[in-house]
Every structure is written in C-alpha cells, then in structure tokens.
PDB file of N, CA and C in Angstrom:
ATOM      1  N   MET A   1      -6.012  64.929 -80.766  1.00  0.00           N
ATOM      2  CA  MET A   1      -5.282  63.591 -81.625  1.00  0.00           C
ATOM      3  C   MET A   1      -6.131  63.231 -82.741  1.00  0.00           C
ATOM      4  N   ILE A   2      -5.939  62.236 -83.552  1.00  0.00           N
ATOM      5  CA  ILE A   2      -6.545  61.939 -84.149  1.00  0.00           C
ATOM      6  C   ILE A   2      -5.812  60.194 -84.462  1.00  0.00           C
ATOM      7  N   MET A   3      -6.695  59.058 -84.213  1.00  0.00           N
ATOM      8  CA  MET A   3      -6.289  57.795 -84.194  1.00  0.00           C
ATOM      9  C   MET A   3      -6.878  57.411 -85.634  1.00  0.00           C
ATOM     10  N   VAL A   4      -5.911  56.368 -86.019  1.00  0.00           N
ATOM     11  CA  VAL A   4      -6.324  55.402 -86.879  1.00  0.00           C
ATOM     12  C   VAL A   4      -6.323  54.032 -86.500  1.00  0.00           C
ATOM     13  N   LYS A   5      -7.102  53.050 -87.007  1.00  0.00           N
ATOM     14  CA  LYS A   5      -6.638  51.682 -86.926  1.00  0.00           C
ATOM     15  C   LYS A   5      -7.627  50.929 -87.216  1.00  0.00           C
ATOM     16  N   PRO A   6      -7.431  49.723 -87.717  1.00  0.00           N
ATOM     17  CA  PRO A   6      -6.212  48.847 -87.564  1.00  0.00           C
ATOM     18  C   PRO A   6      -4.795  50.032 -88.720  1.00  0.00           C
ATOM     19  N   ALA A   7      -3.982  49.696 -88.194  1.00  0.00           N
ATOM     20  CA  ALA A   7      -2.545  50.717 -89.065  1.00  0.00           C
ATOM     21  C   ALA A   7      -2.289  50.257 -90.054  1.00  0.00           C
ATOM     22  N   MET A   8      -1.900  49.105 -90.140  1.00  0.00           N
ATOM     23  CA  MET A   8      -0.820  48.738 -91.435  1.00  0.00           C
ATOM     24  C   MET A   8      -2.067  48.441 -92.752  1.00  0.00           C
ATOM     25  N   SER A   9      -3.761  48.235 -92.257  1.00  0.00           N
ATOM     26  CA  SER A   9      -4.476  48.100 -93.222  1.00  0.00           C
ATOM     27  C   SER A   9      -4.906  49.640 -94.123  1.00  0.00           C
ATOM     28  N   TYR A  10      -4.555  50.479 -93.038  1.00  0.00           N
ATOM     29  CA  TYR A  10      -5.076  51.934 -93.694  1.00  0.00           C
ATOM     30  C   TYR A  10      -4.112  52.858 -93.751  1.00  0.00           C
ATOM     31  N   LEU A  11      -2.928  52.546 -94.375  1.00  0.00           N
ATOM     32  CA  LEU A  11      -1.489  53.599 -94.480  1.00  0.00           C
ATOM     33  C   LEU A  11      -2.303  54.286 -95.542  1.00  0.00           C
ATOM     34  N   ASP A  12      -3.293  54.328 -96.291  1.00  0.00           N
ATOM     35  CA  ASP A  12      -3.447  55.349 -97.334  1.00  0.00           C
ATOM     36  C   ASP A  12      -4.271  56.513 -96.669  1.00  0.00           C
ATOM     37  N   ILE A  13      -5.030  55.764 -95.496  1.00  0.00           N
ATOM     38  CA  ILE A  13      -5.839  56.990 -94.532  1.00  0.00           C
ATOM     39  C   ILE A  13      -4.970  57.503 -93.673  1.00  0.00           C
ATOM     40  N   ILE A  14      -3.923  56.962 -93.231  1.00  0.00           N
ATOM     41  CA  ILE A  14      -3.077  57.695 -92.265  1.00  0.00           C
ATOM     42  C   ILE A  14      -2.622  58.667 -93.525  1.00  0.00           C
ATOM     43  N   SER A  15      -1.919  58.427 -94.461  1.00  0.00           N
ATOM     44  CA  SER A  15      -1.570  59.552 -95.272  1.00  0.00           C
ATOM     45  C   SER A  15      -2.237  60.624 -95.558  1.00  0.00           C
ATOM     46  N   LYS A  16      -3.402  60.316 -96.061  1.00  0.00           N
ATOM     47  CA  LYS A  16      -4.135  61.571 -96.226  1.00  0.00           C
ATOM     48  C   LYS A  16      -4.525  62.341 -95.015  1.00  0.00           C
ATOM     49  N   ALA A  17      -5.166  61.971 -93.930  1.00  0.00           N
ATOM     50  CA  ALA A  17      -5.600  62.251 -92.484  1.00  0.00           C
ATOM     51  C   ALA A  17      -4.030  62.850 -92.235  1.00  0.00           C
ATOM     52  N   SER A  18      -2.808  62.738 -92.792  1.00  0.00           N
ATOM     53  CA  SER A  18      -1.799  63.891 -92.022  1.00  0.00           C
ATOM     54  C   SER A  18      -1.663  64.958 -92.790  1.00  0.00           C
ATOM     55  N   GLY A  19      -1.856  64.549 -94.227  1.00  0.00           N
ATOM     56  CA  GLY A  19      -1.959  65.697 -94.834  1.00  0.00           C
ATOM     57  C   GLY A  19      -3.277  66.578 -94.935  1.00  0.00           C
ATOM     58  N   GLN A  20      -3.960  65.768 -94.380  1.00  0.00           N
ATOM     59  CA  GLN A  20      -5.536  67.048 -94.365  1.00  0.00           C
ATOM     60  C   GLN A  20      -5.254  67.701 -92.825  1.00  0.00           C
ATOM     61  N   TYR A  21      -4.747  67.587 -92.072  1.00  0.00           N
ATOM     62  CA  TYR A  21      -4.761  67.897 -90.238  1.00  0.00           C
ATOM     63  C   TYR A  21      -3.577  67.693 -89.951  1.00  0.00           C
ATOM     64  N   PRO A  22      -2.396  68.653 -90.365  1.00  0.00           N
ATOM     65  CA  PRO A  22      -1.067  68.754 -90.144  1.00  0.00           C
ATOM     66  C   PRO A  22      -1.008  69.242 -88.564  1.00  0.00           C
ATOM     67  N   ASP A  23      -1.971  69.970 -88.197  1.00  0.00           N
ATOM     68  CA  ASP A  23      -2.153  70.463 -87.329  1.00  0.00           C
ATOM     69  C   ASP A  23      -2.552  69.381 -86.015  1.00  0.00           C
ATOM     70  N   LYS A  24      -2.697  68.363 -86.348  1.00  0.00           N
ATOM     71  CA  LYS A  24      -3.182  67.486 -85.327  1.00  0.00           C
ATOM     72  C   LYS A  24      -2.086  66.394 -85.233  1.00  0.00           C
ATOM     73  N   LYS A  25      -2.019  65.381 -84.292  1.00  0.00           N
ATOM     74  CA  LYS A  25      -1.058  64.740 -83.615  1.00  0.00           C
ATOM     75  C   LYS A  25      -1.762  63.300 -84.237  1.00  0.00           C
ATOM     76  N   LEU A  26      -1.418  62.650 -85.399  1.00  0.00           N
ATOM     77  CA  LEU A  26      -1.750  61.618 -85.607  1.00  0.00           C
ATOM     78  C   LEU A  26      -1.586  60.436 -85.329  1.00  0.00           C
ATOM     79  N   VAL A  27      -2.179  59.575 -84.491  1.00  0.00           N
ATOM     80  CA  VAL A  27      -1.720  58.201 -83.710  1.00  0.00           C
ATOM     81  C   VAL A  27      -2.481  56.863 -84.503  1.00  0.00           C
ATOM     82  N   ALA A  28      -1.656  56.273 -84.757  1.00  0.00           N
ATOM     83  CA  ALA A  28      -1.441  54.828 -85.523  1.00  0.00           C
ATOM     84  C   ALA A  28      -1.550  53.937 -84.303  1.00  0.00           C
ATOM     85  N   TYR A  29      -2.449  52.871 -84.447  1.00  0.00           N
ATOM     86  CA  TYR A  29      -2.634  51.522 -83.747  1.00  0.00           C
ATOM     87  C   TYR A  29      -2.430  50.455 -84.394  1.00  0.00           C
ATOM     88  N   GLN A  30      -1.894  49.758 -83.959  1.00  0.00           N
ATOM     89  CA  GLN A  30      -1.102  48.427 -84.813  1.00  0.00           C
ATOM     90  C   GLN A  30      -1.529  47.507 -84.031  1.00  0.00           C
ATOM     91  N   VAL A  31      -3.138  47.005 -84.532  1.00  0.00           N
ATOM     92  CA  VAL A  31      -4.185  45.739 -83.228  1.00  0.00           C
ATOM     93  C   VAL A  31      -3.268  44.904 -83.205  1.00  0.00           C
ATOM     94  N   SER A  32      -4.063  44.061 -82.176  1.00  0.00           N
ATOM     95  CA  SER A  32      -3.796  42.737 -81.884  1.00  0.00           C
ATOM     96  C   SER A  32      -4.058  41.271 -83.092  1.00  0.00           C
ATOM     97  N   GLY A  33      -4.484  41.701 -83.886  1.00  0.00           N
ATOM     98  CA  GLY A  33      -4.473  40.931 -85.135  1.00  0.00           C
ATOM     99  C   GLY A  33      -3.387  41.149 -86.258  1.00  0.00           C
ATOM    100  N   GLU A  34      -3.052  42.368 -86.588  1.00  0.00           N
ATOM    101  CA  GLU A  34      -2.129  42.677 -87.133  1.00  0.00           C
ATOM    102  C   GLU A  34      -0.358  42.120 -86.188  1.00  0.00           C
ATOM    103  N   TYR A  35      -0.595  41.997 -85.332  1.00  0.00           N
ATOM    104  CA  TYR A  35       0.440  42.093 -84.404  1.00  0.00           C
ATOM    105  C   TYR A  35       0.437  40.058 -84.366  1.00  0.00           C
ATOM    106  N   SER A  36      -0.516  39.618 -84.417  1.00  0.00           N
ATOM    107  CA  SER A  36      -0.400  38.075 -84.141  1.00  0.00           C
ATOM    108  C   SER A  36       0.091  37.544 -85.551  1.00  0.00           C
ATOM    109  N   MET A  37      -0.588  38.359 -86.555  1.00  0.00           N
ATOM    110  CA  MET A  37      -0.377  38.197 -88.013  1.00  0.00           C
ATOM    111  C   MET A  37       1.092  37.814 -88.198  1.00  0.00           C
ATOM    112  N   LEU A  38       1.746  39.072 -87.784  1.00  0.00           N
ATOM    113  CA  LEU A  38       3.465  38.849 -88.111  1.00  0.00           C
ATOM    114  C   LEU A  38       3.687  37.945 -86.795  1.00  0.00           C
ATOM    115  N   LYS A  39       3.454  37.904 -85.602  1.00  0.00           N
ATOM    116  CA  LYS A  39       4.346  36.860 -84.843  1.00  0.00           C
ATOM    117  C   LYS A  39       3.940  35.628 -85.529  1.00  0.00           C
ATOM    118  N   SER A  40       2.544  35.258 -85.761  1.00  0.00           N
ATOM    119  CA  SER A  40       2.842  33.801 -86.211  1.00  0.00           C
ATOM    120  C   SER A  40       3.431  33.534 -87.690  1.00  0.00           C
ATOM    121  N   GLY A  41       3.179  34.542 -89.075  1.00  0.00           N
ATOM    122  CA  GLY A  41       4.403  34.379 -89.485  1.00  0.00           C
ATOM    123  C   GLY A  41       6.143  34.039 -89.145  1.00  0.00           C
ATOM    124  N   ALA A  42       6.236  34.824 -88.242  1.00  0.00           N
ATOM    125  CA  ALA A  42       7.725  35.111 -88.130  1.00  0.00           C
ATOM    126  C   ALA A  42       7.745  33.280 -87.419  1.00  0.00           C
ATOM    127  N   SER A  43       6.988  32.695 -86.464  1.00  0.00           N
ATOM    128  CA  SER A  43       7.231  31.554 -85.789  1.00  0.00           C
ATOM    129  C   SER A  43       6.962  30.271 -86.586  1.00  0.00           C
ATOM    130  N   ASN A  44       6.529  30.472 -87.881  1.00  0.00           N
ATOM    131  CA  ASN A  44       6.445  29.606 -88.716  1.00  0.00           C
ATOM    132  C   ASN A  44       7.765  29.784 -89.496  1.00  0.00           C
ATOM    133  N   GLY A  45       8.389  30.482 -89.607  1.00  0.00           N
ATOM    134  CA  GLY A  45       9.528  30.453 -90.675  1.00  0.00           C
ATOM    135  C   GLY A  45       9.670  31.092 -91.775  1.00  0.00           C
ATOM    136  N   PHE A  46       8.449  32.410 -91.768  1.00  0.00           N
ATOM    137  CA  PHE A  46       7.946  33.079 -93.210  1.00  0.00           C
ATOM    138  C   PHE A  46       9.213  34.151 -93.282  1.00  0.00           C
ATOM    139  N   PHE A  47       9.725  34.525 -92.315  1.00  0.00           N
ATOM    140  CA  PHE A  47       9.965  35.777 -92.529  1.00  0.00           C
ATOM    141  C   PHE A  47      11.152  36.240 -91.146  1.00  0.00           C
ATOM    142  N   ASP A  48      11.946  36.593 -91.018  1.00  0.00           N
ATOM    143  CA  ASP A  48      12.365  37.529 -89.784  1.00  0.00           C
ATOM    144  C   ASP A  48      11.783  37.854 -89.044  1.00  0.00           C
ATOM    145  N   GLU A  49      11.327  37.901 -87.265  1.00  0.00           N
ATOM    146  CA  GLU A  49      10.706  38.396 -86.940  1.00  0.00           C
ATOM    147  C   GLU A  49      11.009  39.973 -86.487  1.00  0.00           C
ATOM    148  N   ARG A  50      12.148  40.311 -86.414  1.00  0.00           N
ATOM    149  CA  ARG A  50      12.707  41.630 -85.770  1.00  0.00           C
ATOM    150  C   ARG A  50      12.783  42.558 -87.154  1.00  0.00           C
ATOM    151  N   ARG A  51      13.175  41.784 -88.207  1.00  0.00           N
ATOM    152  CA  ARG A  51      12.806  42.575 -89.666  1.00  0.00           C
ATOM    153  C   ARG A  51      11.522  42.719 -90.093  1.00  0.00           C
ATOM    154  N   ILE A  52      10.538  42.100 -89.772  1.00  0.00           N
ATOM    155  CA  ILE A  52       8.933  42.524 -90.401  1.00  0.00           C
ATOM    156  C   ILE A  52       8.194  43.292 -89.682  1.00  0.00           C
ATOM    157  N   PHE A  53       8.671  43.406 -88.377  1.00  0.00           N
ATOM    158  CA  PHE A  53       7.963  44.590 -87.474  1.00  0.00           C
ATOM    159  C   PHE A  53       8.805  45.692 -87.575  1.00  0.00           C
ATOM    160  N   GLU A  54      10.185  45.901 -88.196  1.00  0.00           N
ATOM    161  CA  GLU A  54      11.160  47.107 -88.099  1.00  0.00           C
ATOM    162  C   GLU A  54       9.873  47.535 -89.515  1.00  0.00           C
ATOM    163  N   GLU A  55       9.968  46.841 -90.662  1.00  0.00           N
ATOM    164  CA  GLU A  55       9.227  47.230 -91.637  1.00  0.00           C
ATOM    165  C   GLU A  55       8.032  47.540 -91.551  1.00  0.00           C
ATOM    166  N   SER A  56       7.151  46.938 -90.933  1.00  0.00           N
ATOM    167  CA  SER A  56       5.654  47.386 -90.644  1.00  0.00           C
ATOM    168  C   SER A  56       5.879  49.055 -89.920  1.00  0.00           C
ATOM    169  N   LEU A  57       6.520  48.547 -89.050  1.00  0.00           N
ATOM    170  CA  LEU A  57       6.342  49.891 -88.220  1.00  0.00           C
ATOM    171  C   LEU A  57       7.091  51.312 -88.794  1.00  0.00           C
ATOM    172  N   THR A  58       8.113  51.197 -90.149  1.00  0.00           N
ATOM    173  CA  THR A  58       8.550  51.925 -90.728  1.00  0.00           C
ATOM    174  C   THR A  58       7.376  52.190 -91.741  1.00  0.00           C
ATOM    175  N   ALA A  59       6.640  51.361 -92.209  1.00  0.00           N
ATOM    176  CA  ALA A  59       5.717  52.105 -92.983  1.00  0.00           C
ATOM    177  C   ALA A  59       4.367  52.883 -92.666  1.00  0.00           C
ATOM    178  N   ILE A  60       4.104  52.298 -91.148  1.00  0.00           N
ATOM    179  CA  ILE A  60       3.437  53.363 -90.486  1.00  0.00           C
ATOM    180  C   ILE A  60       3.800  54.708 -90.425  1.00  0.00           C
ATOM    181  N   LYS A  61       5.124  54.714 -90.106  1.00  0.00           N
ATOM    182  CA  LYS A  61       5.485  56.021 -89.533  1.00  0.00           C
ATOM    183  C   LYS A  61       5.713  56.768 -90.848  1.00  0.00           C
ATOM    184  N   ARG A  62       6.127  56.215 -92.282  1.00  0.00           N
ATOM    185  CA  ARG A  62       6.521  56.644 -93.598  1.00  0.00           C
ATOM    186  C   ARG A  62       4.835  57.429 -94.315  1.00  0.00           C
ATOM    187  N   ALA A  63       3.971  56.368 -93.671  1.00  0.00           N
ATOM    188  CA  ALA A  63       2.774  57.061 -94.266  1.00  0.00           C
ATOM    189  C   ALA A  63       1.921  58.332 -93.240  1.00  0.00           C
ATOM    190  N   GLY A  64       2.832  58.494 -92.228  1.00  0.00           N
ATOM    191  CA  GLY A  64       2.531  60.097 -91.712  1.00  0.00           C
ATOM    192  C   GLY A  64       2.350  60.049 -90.160  1.00  0.00           C
ATOM    193  N   ALA A  65       2.404  58.772 -89.721  1.00  0.00           N
ATOM    194  CA  ALA A  65       1.996  58.853 -88.012  1.00  0.00           C
ATOM    195  C   ALA A  65       3.211  59.422 -87.298  1.00  0.00           C
ATOM    196  N   ASN A  66       2.334  60.276 -86.440  1.00  0.00           N
ATOM    197  CA  ASN A  66       3.240  60.750 -85.222  1.00  0.00           C
ATOM    198  C   ASN A  66       3.611  59.922 -84.188  1.00  0.00           C
ATOM    199  N   LEU A  67       2.637  59.115 -83.699  1.00  0.00           N
ATOM    200  CA  LEU A  67       2.625  58.068 -82.822  1.00  0.00           C
ATOM    201  C   LEU A  67       2.071  56.581 -83.040  1.00  0.00           C
ATOM    202  N   ILE A  68       2.899  55.687 -82.717  1.00  0.00           N
ATOM    203  CA  ILE A  68       2.820  54.623 -82.638  1.00  0.00           C
ATOM    204  C   ILE A  68       2.374  53.432 -81.993  1.00  0.00           C
ATOM    205  N   ILE A  69       0.937  52.976 -81.661  1.00  0.00           N
ATOM    206  CA  ILE A  69       1.052  52.010 -80.748  1.00  0.00           C
ATOM    207  C   ILE A  69       0.839  50.875 -81.303  1.00  0.00           C
ATOM    208  N   SER A  70       1.874  49.889 -80.225  1.00  0.00           N
ATOM    209  CA  SER A  70       1.721  48.647 -80.595  1.00  0.00           C
ATOM    210  C   SER A  70       2.363  47.560 -79.794  1.00  0.00           C
ATOM    211  N   TYR A  71       1.442  46.394 -79.955  1.00  0.00           N
ATOM    212  CA  TYR A  71       2.088  45.474 -78.748  1.00  0.00           C
ATOM    213  C   TYR A  71       3.533  44.817 -79.050  1.00  0.00           C
ATOM    214  N   TYR A  72       3.936  45.123 -80.306  1.00  0.00           N
ATOM    215  CA  TYR A  72       5.619  44.812 -80.407  1.00  0.00           C
ATOM    216  C   TYR A  72       6.322  46.052 -79.659  1.00  0.00           C
ATOM    217  N   ALA A  73       5.963  47.111 -78.826  1.00  0.00           N
ATOM    218  CA  ALA A  73       6.801  48.054 -78.503  1.00  0.00           C
ATOM    219  C   ALA A  73       7.847  47.780 -77.782  1.00  0.00           C
ATOM    220  N   LYS A  74       7.626  46.884 -76.498  1.00  0.00           N
ATOM    221  CA  LYS A  74       8.791  46.759 -75.329  1.00  0.00           C
ATOM    222  C   LYS A  74       9.580  45.418 -76.122  1.00  0.00           C
ATOM    223  N   GLU A  75       9.483  44.643 -76.816  1.00  0.00           N
ATOM    224  CA  GLU A  75       9.983  44.005 -77.547  1.00  0.00           C
ATOM    225  C   GLU A  75      11.126  44.486 -78.558  1.00  0.00           C
ATOM    226  N   TYR A  76      10.547  45.809 -79.209  1.00  0.00           N
ATOM    227  CA  TYR A  76      11.327  46.625 -80.151  1.00  0.00           C
ATOM    228  C   TYR A  76      12.581  47.462 -79.405  1.00  0.00           C
ATOM    229  N   PHE A  77      11.921  47.907 -77.899  1.00  0.00           N
ATOM    230  CA  PHE A  77      13.050  48.665 -77.754  1.00  0.00           C
ATOM    231  C   PHE A  77      13.911  47.934 -76.876  1.00  0.00           C
ATOM    232  N   LYS A  78      13.724  46.501 -76.705  1.00  0.00           N
ATOM    233  CA  LYS A  78      14.608  45.746 -75.916  1.00  0.00           C
ATOM    234  C   LYS A  78      15.688  45.573 -76.634  1.00  0.00           C
ATOM    235  N   LYS A  79      15.712  45.705 -77.962  1.00  0.00           N
ATOM    236  CA  LYS A  79      17.004  44.950 -78.703  1.00  0.00           C
ATOM    237  C   LYS A  79      17.944  45.920 -79.177  1.00  0.00           C
TER     238      LYS A  79
END
C-alpha cells in the first residue's frame, strides 16, 4: 500500500501515484485538520455538512484512491 496524507491537499499526488503504481493499493488519509475545517465551515452555516463531506470524499476517490481513511466515516455510513 501507498498512503498519501493529507488527502485533500494532495489530490494531484494521489492521481500521479495511482497512475505510476497501478499494482499498489493507494490509501488517502483525510487528516484531522481537513475534517475540522469542513466541520467548522458547516457549523458556521457556510455549507451543508453532508454535501461538503460527500464532495471531499468524491474528489479523493476520483483522484485515484482505492481506500479513504476519514474521521467522518462513521457519520457518513450512518445516513
């Protein structure tokens, strides 16, 4: 496995690594700072929490991650 963290700041690296190492599982780690930033923005009414997390996780997946580690995982799968 190859891990890239923080995930959202390095979408370009995730994309390049997934292309360069197609035989390896690529893991993206959405670190606590990214999680806190999105939670804070949602709690202040800047955007809808569910939608912004879906957007961020979709971007990470589209960049080429096979697995995503996120503090939001439990909340994401509850709904």
